[in-house]
Amino acid sequence: LLVDPFATRIDRRFAFDPRLALPREEAVDTAPLM
């Protein structure tokens, strides 16, 4: 899940999680992390 580069507001802070950097073949949905 990708944040709009032109977003002017978000609902919560960013928090680093190693799953955000997993390659495509891992197929981990990052929506709950973003």
PDB file of all heavy atoms in Angstrom:
ATOM      1  N   LEU A   1       0.860  -1.183   0.000  1.00  0.00           N
ATOM      2  CA  LEU A   1       0.000   0.000   0.000  1.00  0.00           C
ATOM      3  C   LEU A   1       0.895   1.231   0.000  1.00  0.00           C
ATOM      4  O   LEU A   1       1.843   1.318   0.796  1.00  0.00           O
ATOM      5  CB  LEU A   1      -0.916   0.023   1.218  1.00  0.00           C
ATOM      6  CG  LEU A   1      -1.918   1.182   1.196  1.00  0.00           C
ATOM      7  CD1 LEU A   1      -3.024   0.921   0.178  1.00  0.00           C
ATOM      8  CD2 LEU A   1      -2.504   1.432   2.574  1.00  0.00           C
ATOM      9  N   LEU A   2       0.605   2.180  -0.874  1.00  0.00           N
ATOM     10  CA  LEU A   2       1.466   3.343  -1.078  1.00  0.00           C
ATOM     11  C   LEU A   2       0.735   4.625  -0.679  1.00  0.00           C
ATOM     12  O   LEU A   2      -0.444   4.809  -1.020  1.00  0.00           O
ATOM     13  CB  LEU A   2       1.898   3.423  -2.537  1.00  0.00           C
ATOM     14  CG  LEU A   2       2.561   2.152  -3.089  1.00  0.00           C
ATOM     15  CD1 LEU A   2       2.739   2.260  -4.590  1.00  0.00           C
ATOM     16  CD2 LEU A   2       3.903   1.898  -2.393  1.00  0.00           C
ATOM     17  N   VAL A   3       1.437   5.488   0.024  1.00  0.00           N
ATOM     18  CA  VAL A   3       0.874   6.776   0.394  1.00  0.00           C
ATOM     19  C   VAL A   3       0.997   7.738  -0.788  1.00  0.00           C
ATOM     20  O   VAL A   3       2.029   7.777  -1.473  1.00  0.00           O
ATOM     21  CB  VAL A   3       1.586   7.355   1.625  1.00  0.00           C
ATOM     22  CG1 VAL A   3       1.144   8.788   1.895  1.00  0.00           C
ATOM     23  CG2 VAL A   3       1.311   6.499   2.846  1.00  0.00           C
ATOM     24  N   ASP A   4      -0.044   8.497  -1.025  1.00  0.00           N
ATOM     25  CA  ASP A   4      -0.048   9.491  -2.089  1.00  0.00           C
ATOM     26  C   ASP A   4       1.080  10.499  -1.854  1.00  0.00           C
ATOM     27  O   ASP A   4       1.135  11.134  -0.799  1.00  0.00           O
ATOM     28  CB  ASP A   4      -1.405  10.206  -2.079  1.00  0.00           C
ATOM     29  CG  ASP A   4      -1.596  11.175  -3.238  1.00  0.00           C
ATOM     30  OD1 ASP A   4      -0.619  11.453  -3.968  1.00  0.00           O
ATOM     31  OD2 ASP A   4      -2.727  11.669  -3.400  1.00  0.00           O
ATOM     32  N   PRO A   5       2.014  10.672  -2.812  1.00  0.00           N
ATOM     33  CA  PRO A   5       3.078  11.670  -2.618  1.00  0.00           C
ATOM     34  C   PRO A   5       2.537  13.081  -2.413  1.00  0.00           C
ATOM     35  O   PRO A   5       3.222  13.923  -1.826  1.00  0.00           O
ATOM     36  CB  PRO A   5       3.895  11.575  -3.915  1.00  0.00           C
ATOM     37  CG  PRO A   5       3.580  10.233  -4.482  1.00  0.00           C
ATOM     38  CD  PRO A   5       2.163   9.940  -4.087  1.00  0.00           C
ATOM     39  N   PHE A   6       1.323  13.346  -2.912  1.00  0.00           N
ATOM     40  CA  PHE A   6       0.718  14.668  -2.782  1.00  0.00           C
ATOM     41  C   PHE A   6      -0.268  14.737  -1.615  1.00  0.00           C
ATOM     42  O   PHE A   6      -1.016  15.712  -1.497  1.00  0.00           O
ATOM     43  CB  PHE A   6       0.028  15.063  -4.086  1.00  0.00           C
ATOM     44  CG  PHE A   6       0.982  15.545  -5.137  1.00  0.00           C
ATOM     45  CD1 PHE A   6       1.770  14.650  -5.851  1.00  0.00           C
ATOM     46  CD2 PHE A   6       1.124  16.893  -5.419  1.00  0.00           C
ATOM     47  CE1 PHE A   6       2.662  15.082  -6.825  1.00  0.00           C
ATOM     48  CE2 PHE A   6       2.012  17.339  -6.381  1.00  0.00           C
ATOM     49  CZ  PHE A   6       2.793  16.435  -7.091  1.00  0.00           C
ATOM     50  N   ALA A   7      -0.277  13.730  -0.750  1.00  0.00           N
ATOM     51  CA  ALA A   7      -1.158  13.762   0.413  1.00  0.00           C
ATOM     52  C   ALA A   7      -0.825  14.961   1.292  1.00  0.00           C
ATOM     53  O   ALA A   7       0.347  15.282   1.519  1.00  0.00           O
ATOM     54  CB  ALA A   7      -1.027  12.473   1.218  1.00  0.00           C
ATOM     55  N   THR A   8      -1.851  15.603   1.825  1.00  0.00           N
ATOM     56  CA  THR A   8      -1.647  16.735   2.728  1.00  0.00           C
ATOM     57  C   THR A   8      -2.015  16.397   4.172  1.00  0.00           C
ATOM     58  O   THR A   8      -1.825  17.217   5.067  1.00  0.00           O
ATOM     59  CB  THR A   8      -2.465  17.951   2.274  1.00  0.00           C
ATOM     60  OG1 THR A   8      -3.859  17.598   2.235  1.00  0.00           O
ATOM     61  CG2 THR A   8      -2.029  18.404   0.888  1.00  0.00           C
ATOM     62  N   ARG A   9      -2.539  15.176   4.367  1.00  0.00           N
ATOM     63  CA  ARG A   9      -2.843  14.732   5.723  1.00  0.00           C
ATOM     64  C   ARG A   9      -2.849  13.212   5.763  1.00  0.00           C
ATOM     65  O   ARG A   9      -3.251  12.563   4.787  1.00  0.00           O
ATOM     66  CB  ARG A   9      -4.202  15.285   6.177  1.00  0.00           C
ATOM     67  CG  ARG A   9      -4.454  15.125   7.680  1.00  0.00           C
ATOM     68  CD  ARG A   9      -5.706  15.853   8.114  1.00  0.00           C
ATOM     69  NE  ARG A   9      -5.894  15.715   9.555  1.00  0.00           N
ATOM     70  CZ  ARG A   9      -6.952  16.144  10.227  1.00  0.00           C
ATOM     71  NH1 ARG A   9      -7.925  16.789   9.570  1.00  0.00           N
ATOM     72  NH2 ARG A   9      -7.048  15.959  11.523  1.00  0.00           N
ATOM     73  N   ILE A  10      -2.371  12.632   6.880  1.00  0.00           N
ATOM     74  CA  ILE A  10      -2.420  11.187   7.077  1.00  0.00           C
ATOM     75  C   ILE A  10      -3.054  10.899   8.426  1.00  0.00           C
ATOM     76  O   ILE A  10      -3.117  11.772   9.296  1.00  0.00           O
ATOM     77  CB  ILE A  10      -1.031  10.535   6.978  1.00  0.00           C
ATOM     78  CG1 ILE A  10      -0.055  11.151   8.001  1.00  0.00           C
ATOM     79  CG2 ILE A  10      -0.474  10.669   5.565  1.00  0.00           C
ATOM     80  CD1 ILE A  10       1.304  10.486   8.041  1.00  0.00           C
ATOM     81  N   ASP A  11      -3.520   9.643   8.594  1.00  0.00           N
ATOM     82  CA  ASP A  11      -4.299   9.333   9.792  1.00  0.00           C
ATOM     83  C   ASP A  11      -3.457   8.931  10.995  1.00  0.00           C
ATOM     84  O   ASP A  11      -3.959   8.905  12.119  1.00  0.00           O
ATOM     85  CB  ASP A  11      -5.345   8.251   9.491  1.00  0.00           C
ATOM     86  CG  ASP A  11      -4.731   6.907   9.115  1.00  0.00           C
ATOM     87  OD1 ASP A  11      -3.493   6.820   8.951  1.00  0.00           O
ATOM     88  OD2 ASP A  11      -5.499   5.931   8.960  1.00  0.00           O
ATOM     89  N   ARG A  12      -2.184   8.606  10.800  1.00  0.00           N
ATOM     90  CA  ARG A  12      -1.315   8.258  11.916  1.00  0.00           C
ATOM     91  C   ARG A  12       0.138   8.363  11.464  1.00  0.00           C
ATOM     92  O   ARG A  12       0.406   8.520  10.271  1.00  0.00           O
ATOM     93  CB  ARG A  12      -1.607   6.850  12.452  1.00  0.00           C
ATOM     94  CG  ARG A  12      -1.515   5.732  11.426  1.00  0.00           C
ATOM     95  CD  ARG A  12      -2.058   4.424  12.007  1.00  0.00           C
ATOM     96  NE  ARG A  12      -2.231   3.383  11.015  1.00  0.00           N
ATOM     97  CZ  ARG A  12      -1.349   2.420  10.761  1.00  0.00           C
ATOM     98  NH1 ARG A  12      -0.206   2.387  11.408  1.00  0.00           N
ATOM     99  NH2 ARG A  12      -1.605   1.499   9.853  1.00  0.00           N
ATOM    100  N   ARG A  13       1.050   8.270  12.408  1.00  0.00           N
ATOM    101  CA  ARG A  13       2.469   8.403  12.097  1.00  0.00           C
ATOM    102  C   ARG A  13       2.967   7.177  11.335  1.00  0.00           C
ATOM    103  O   ARG A  13       2.350   6.108  11.363  1.00  0.00           O
ATOM    104  CB  ARG A  13       3.281   8.534  13.382  1.00  0.00           C
ATOM    105  CG  ARG A  13       3.086   7.367  14.341  1.00  0.00           C
ATOM    106  CD  ARG A  13       4.110   7.360  15.463  1.00  0.00           C
ATOM    107  NE  ARG A  13       5.437   7.048  14.960  1.00  0.00           N
ATOM    108  CZ  ARG A  13       6.468   6.751  15.761  1.00  0.00           C
ATOM    109  NH1 ARG A  13       6.319   6.747  17.076  1.00  0.00           N
ATOM    110  NH2 ARG A  13       7.650   6.469  15.252  1.00  0.00           N
ATOM    111  N   PHE A  14       4.105   7.340  10.674  1.00  0.00           N
ATOM    112  CA  PHE A  14       4.798   6.205  10.062  1.00  0.00           C
ATOM    113  C   PHE A  14       5.589   5.456  11.139  1.00  0.00           C
ATOM    114  O   PHE A  14       6.169   6.067  12.043  1.00  0.00           O
ATOM    115  CB  PHE A  14       5.762   6.677   8.978  1.00  0.00           C
ATOM    116  CG  PHE A  14       5.078   7.137   7.719  1.00  0.00           C
ATOM    117  CD1 PHE A  14       4.793   8.483   7.517  1.00  0.00           C
ATOM    118  CD2 PHE A  14       4.713   6.227   6.746  1.00  0.00           C
ATOM    119  CE1 PHE A  14       4.163   8.909   6.367  1.00  0.00           C
ATOM    120  CE2 PHE A  14       4.078   6.647   5.583  1.00  0.00           C
ATOM    121  CZ  PHE A  14       3.804   7.986   5.398  1.00  0.00           C
ATOM    122  N   ALA A  15       5.601   4.145  11.028  1.00  0.00           N
ATOM    123  CA  ALA A  15       6.386   3.309  11.946  1.00  0.00           C
ATOM    124  C   ALA A  15       7.131   2.274  11.110  1.00  0.00           C
ATOM    125  O   ALA A  15       6.516   1.540  10.317  1.00  0.00           O
ATOM    126  CB  ALA A  15       5.477   2.623  12.967  1.00  0.00           C
ATOM    127  N   PHE A  16       8.449   2.213  11.282  1.00  0.00           N
ATOM    128  CA  PHE A  16       9.215   1.257  10.486  1.00  0.00           C
ATOM    129  C   PHE A  16       8.892  -0.170  10.918  1.00  0.00           C
ATOM    130  O   PHE A  16       8.790  -0.489  12.099  1.00  0.00           O
ATOM    131  CB  PHE A  16      10.715   1.494  10.619  1.00  0.00           C
ATOM    132  CG  PHE A  16      11.521   0.512   9.815  1.00  0.00           C
ATOM    133  CD1 PHE A  16      11.687   0.699   8.454  1.00  0.00           C
ATOM    134  CD2 PHE A  16      12.068  -0.624  10.404  1.00  0.00           C
ATOM    135  CE1 PHE A  16      12.393  -0.224   7.692  1.00  0.00           C
ATOM    136  CE2 PHE A  16      12.780  -1.546   9.656  1.00  0.00           C
ATOM    137  CZ  PHE A  16      12.938  -1.341   8.289  1.00  0.00           C
ATOM    138  N   ASP A  17       8.752  -1.041   9.904  1.00  0.00           N
ATOM    139  CA  ASP A  17       8.541  -2.473  10.111  1.00  0.00           C
ATOM    140  C   ASP A  17       9.300  -3.175   9.002  1.00  0.00           C
ATOM    141  O   ASP A  17       9.181  -2.799   7.826  1.00  0.00           O
ATOM    142  CB  ASP A  17       7.045  -2.803  10.047  1.00  0.00           C
ATOM    143  CG  ASP A  17       6.740  -4.240  10.445  1.00  0.00           C
ATOM    144  OD1 ASP A  17       7.234  -5.166   9.758  1.00  0.00           O
ATOM    145  OD2 ASP A  17       6.005  -4.452  11.421  1.00  0.00           O
ATOM    146  N   PRO A  18      10.103  -4.197   9.308  1.00  0.00           N
ATOM    147  CA  PRO A  18      10.874  -4.877   8.260  1.00  0.00           C
ATOM    148  C   PRO A  18      10.014  -5.406   7.121  1.00  0.00           C
ATOM    149  O   PRO A  18      10.502  -5.531   5.990  1.00  0.00           O
ATOM    150  CB  PRO A  18      11.566  -6.019   9.011  1.00  0.00           C
ATOM    151  CG  PRO A  18      11.623  -5.575  10.433  1.00  0.00           C
ATOM    152  CD  PRO A  18      10.386  -4.754  10.648  1.00  0.00           C
ATOM    153  N   ARG A  19       8.738  -5.687   7.388  1.00  0.00           N
ATOM    154  CA  ARG A  19       7.865  -6.198   6.333  1.00  0.00           C
ATOM    155  C   ARG A  19       7.613  -5.172   5.239  1.00  0.00           C
ATOM    156  O   ARG A  19       7.256  -5.530   4.115  1.00  0.00           O
ATOM    157  CB  ARG A  19       6.544  -6.670   6.936  1.00  0.00           C
ATOM    158  CG  ARG A  19       6.657  -7.935   7.792  1.00  0.00           C
ATOM    159  CD  ARG A  19       5.372  -8.230   8.521  1.00  0.00           C
ATOM    160  NE  ARG A  19       5.112  -7.260   9.578  1.00  0.00           N
ATOM    161  CZ  ARG A  19       4.027  -7.260  10.342  1.00  0.00           C
ATOM    162  NH1 ARG A  19       3.069  -8.167  10.141  1.00  0.00           N
ATOM    163  NH2 ARG A  19       3.874  -6.349  11.298  1.00  0.00           N
ATOM    164  N   LEU A  20       7.838  -3.907   5.538  1.00  0.00           N
ATOM    165  CA  LEU A  20       7.667  -2.869   4.526  1.00  0.00           C
ATOM    166  C   LEU A  20       8.744  -2.940   3.443  1.00  0.00           C
ATOM    167  O   LEU A  20       8.587  -2.351   2.368  1.00  0.00           O
ATOM    168  CB  LEU A  20       7.702  -1.487   5.184  1.00  0.00           C
ATOM    169  CG  LEU A  20       6.560  -1.180   6.158  1.00  0.00           C
ATOM    170  CD1 LEU A  20       6.853   0.094   6.937  1.00  0.00           C
ATOM    171  CD2 LEU A  20       5.233  -1.055   5.405  1.00  0.00           C
ATOM    172  N   ALA A  21       9.823  -3.656   3.712  1.00  0.00           N
ATOM    173  CA  ALA A  21      10.934  -3.765   2.766  1.00  0.00           C
ATOM    174  C   ALA A  21      11.039  -5.145   2.127  1.00  0.00           C
ATOM    175  O   ALA A  21      11.994  -5.398   1.383  1.00  0.00           O
ATOM    176  CB  ALA A  21      12.245  -3.418   3.475  1.00  0.00           C
ATOM    177  N   LEU A  22      10.083  -6.025   2.370  1.00  0.00           N
ATOM    178  CA  LEU A  22      10.157  -7.368   1.793  1.00  0.00           C
ATOM    179  C   LEU A  22       9.997  -7.329   0.277  1.00  0.00           C
ATOM    180  O   LEU A  22       9.262  -6.495  -0.254  1.00  0.00           O
ATOM    181  CB  LEU A  22       9.077  -8.265   2.397  1.00  0.00           C
ATOM    182  CG  LEU A  22       9.264  -8.652   3.873  1.00  0.00           C
ATOM    183  CD1 LEU A  22       8.059  -9.452   4.358  1.00  0.00           C
ATOM    184  CD2 LEU A  22      10.551  -9.434   4.066  1.00  0.00           C
ATOM    185  N   PRO A  23      10.666  -8.230  -0.457  1.00  0.00           N
ATOM    186  CA  PRO A  23      10.529  -8.254  -1.920  1.00  0.00           C
ATOM    187  C   PRO A  23       9.138  -8.723  -2.337  1.00  0.00           C
ATOM    188  O   PRO A  23       8.378  -9.308  -1.549  1.00  0.00           O
ATOM    189  CB  PRO A  23      11.608  -9.241  -2.358  1.00  0.00           C
ATOM    190  CG  PRO A  23      11.829 -10.112  -1.171  1.00  0.00           C
ATOM    191  CD  PRO A  23      11.623  -9.236   0.028  1.00  0.00           C
ATOM    192  N   ARG A  24       8.838  -8.519  -3.603  1.00  0.00           N
ATOM    193  CA  ARG A  24       7.505  -8.813  -4.132  1.00  0.00           C
ATOM    194  C   ARG A  24       7.116 -10.271  -3.926  1.00  0.00           C
ATOM    195  O   ARG A  24       5.945 -10.569  -3.631  1.00  0.00           O
ATOM    196  CB  ARG A  24       7.452  -8.440  -5.620  1.00  0.00           C
ATOM    197  CG  ARG A  24       6.132  -8.795  -6.289  1.00  0.00           C
ATOM    198  CD  ARG A  24       6.054  -8.222  -7.689  1.00  0.00           C
ATOM    199  NE  ARG A  24       4.826  -8.653  -8.368  1.00  0.00           N
ATOM    200  CZ  ARG A  24       4.130  -7.913  -9.200  1.00  0.00           C
ATOM    201  NH1 ARG A  24       4.525  -6.679  -9.475  1.00  0.00           N
ATOM    202  NH2 ARG A  24       3.041  -8.377  -9.784  1.00  0.00           N
ATOM    203  N   GLU A  25       8.059 -11.183  -4.055  1.00  0.00           N
ATOM    204  CA  GLU A  25       7.699 -12.603  -3.982  1.00  0.00           C
ATOM    205  C   GLU A  25       7.174 -13.014  -2.608  1.00  0.00           C
ATOM    206  O   GLU A  25       6.509 -14.040  -2.473  1.00  0.00           O
ATOM    207  CB  GLU A  25       8.890 -13.487  -4.362  1.00  0.00           C
ATOM    208  CG  GLU A  25      10.141 -13.288  -3.548  1.00  0.00           C
ATOM    209  CD  GLU A  25      11.109 -12.334  -4.221  1.00  0.00           C
ATOM    210  OE1 GLU A  25      10.653 -11.472  -5.022  1.00  0.00           O
ATOM    211  OE2 GLU A  25      12.325 -12.444  -3.957  1.00  0.00           O
ATOM    212  N   GLU A  26       7.424 -12.194  -1.591  1.00  0.00           N
ATOM    213  CA  GLU A  26       6.897 -12.493  -0.261  1.00  0.00           C
ATOM    214  C   GLU A  26       5.392 -12.238  -0.171  1.00  0.00           C
ATOM    215  O   GLU A  26       4.717 -12.804   0.685  1.00  0.00           O
ATOM    216  CB  GLU A  26       7.624 -11.668   0.798  1.00  0.00           C
ATOM    217  CG  GLU A  26       9.106 -11.970   0.914  1.00  0.00           C
ATOM    218  CD  GLU A  26       9.364 -13.318   1.538  1.00  0.00           C
ATOM    219  OE1 GLU A  26       8.456 -13.855   2.205  1.00  0.00           O
ATOM    220  OE2 GLU A  26      10.487 -13.845   1.372  1.00  0.00           O
ATOM    221  N   ALA A  27       4.879 -11.368  -1.039  1.00  0.00           N
ATOM    222  CA  ALA A  27       3.432 -11.101  -1.143  1.00  0.00           C
ATOM    223  C   ALA A  27       2.797 -10.753   0.208  1.00  0.00           C
ATOM    224  O   ALA A  27       1.695 -11.213   0.531  1.00  0.00           O
ATOM    225  CB  ALA A  27       2.725 -12.289  -1.773  1.00  0.00           C
ATOM    226  N   VAL A  28       3.475  -9.919   0.998  1.00  0.00           N
ATOM    227  CA  VAL A  28       2.933  -9.494   2.291  1.00  0.00           C
ATOM    228  C   VAL A  28       2.182  -8.179   2.113  1.00  0.00           C
ATOM    229  O   VAL A  28       2.748  -7.176   1.671  1.00  0.00           O
ATOM    230  CB  VAL A  28       4.060  -9.321   3.319  1.00  0.00           C
ATOM    231  CG1 VAL A  28       3.517  -8.721   4.622  1.00  0.00           C
ATOM    232  CG2 VAL A  28       4.730 -10.657   3.602  1.00  0.00           C
ATOM    233  N   ASP A  29       0.900  -8.187   2.442  1.00  0.00           N
ATOM    234  CA  ASP A  29       0.078  -6.993   2.326  1.00  0.00           C
ATOM    235  C   ASP A  29       0.494  -5.995   3.415  1.00  0.00           C
ATOM    236  O   ASP A  29       0.424  -6.296   4.611  1.00  0.00           O
ATOM    237  CB  ASP A  29      -1.399  -7.355   2.485  1.00  0.00           C
ATOM    238  CG  ASP A  29      -2.324  -6.167   2.281  1.00  0.00           C
ATOM    239  OD1 ASP A  29      -1.827  -5.068   1.959  1.00  0.00           O
ATOM    240  OD2 ASP A  29      -3.554  -6.345   2.452  1.00  0.00           O
ATOM    241  N   THR A  30       0.899  -4.797   3.004  1.00  0.00           N
ATOM    242  CA  THR A  30       1.382  -3.820   3.985  1.00  0.00           C
ATOM    243  C   THR A  30       0.308  -2.831   4.423  1.00  0.00           C
ATOM    244  O   THR A  30       0.602  -1.923   5.219  1.00  0.00           O
ATOM    245  CB  THR A  30       2.579  -3.036   3.410  1.00  0.00           C
ATOM    246  OG1 THR A  30       2.163  -2.297   2.260  1.00  0.00           O
ATOM    247  CG2 THR A  30       3.723  -3.964   3.057  1.00  0.00           C
ATOM    248  N   ALA A  31      -0.931  -2.997   3.959  1.00  0.00           N
ATOM    249  CA  ALA A  31      -1.979  -2.055   4.348  1.00  0.00           C
ATOM    250  C   ALA A  31      -2.117  -1.913   5.862  1.00  0.00           C
ATOM    251  O   ALA A  31      -2.270  -0.790   6.372  1.00  0.00           O
ATOM    252  CB  ALA A  31      -3.308  -2.450   3.715  1.00  0.00           C
ATOM    253  N   PRO A  32      -2.059  -3.011   6.647  1.00  0.00           N
ATOM    254  CA  PRO A  32      -2.187  -2.838   8.098  1.00  0.00           C
ATOM    255  C   PRO A  32      -1.021  -2.088   8.739  1.00  0.00           C
ATOM    256  O   PRO A  32      -1.139  -1.609   9.870  1.00  0.00           O
ATOM    257  CB  PRO A  32      -2.239  -4.286   8.611  1.00  0.00           C
ATOM    258  CG  PRO A  32      -2.664  -5.106   7.457  1.00  0.00           C
ATOM    259  CD  PRO A  32      -2.039  -4.446   6.264  1.00  0.00           C
ATOM    260  N   LEU A  33       0.102  -1.998   8.019  1.00  0.00           N
ATOM    261  CA  LEU A  33       1.300  -1.376   8.573  1.00  0.00           C
ATOM    262  C   LEU A  33       1.422   0.098   8.212  1.00  0.00           C
ATOM    263  O   LEU A  33       2.274   0.803   8.775  1.00  0.00           O
ATOM    264  CB  LEU A  33       2.551  -2.101   8.053  1.00  0.00           C
ATOM    265  CG  LEU A  33       2.588  -3.618   8.216  1.00  0.00           C
ATOM    266  CD1 LEU A  33       3.836  -4.175   7.534  1.00  0.00           C
ATOM    267  CD2 LEU A  33       2.549  -4.004   9.683  1.00  0.00           C
ATOM    268  N   MET A  34       0.605   0.559   7.284  1.00  0.00           N
ATOM    269  CA  MET A  34       0.794   1.873   6.684  1.00  0.00           C
ATOM    270  C   MET A  34      -0.253   2.886   7.146  1.00  0.00           C
ATOM    271  O   MET A  34      -1.436   2.555   7.270  1.00  0.00           O
ATOM    272  CB  MET A  34       0.714   1.762   5.164  1.00  0.00           C
ATOM    273  CG  MET A  34       1.932   1.122   4.526  1.00  0.00           C
ATOM    274  SD  MET A  34       3.393   2.202   4.593  1.00  0.00           S
ATOM    275  CE  MET A  34       2.900   3.482   3.425  1.00  0.00           C
TER     276      MET A  34
END
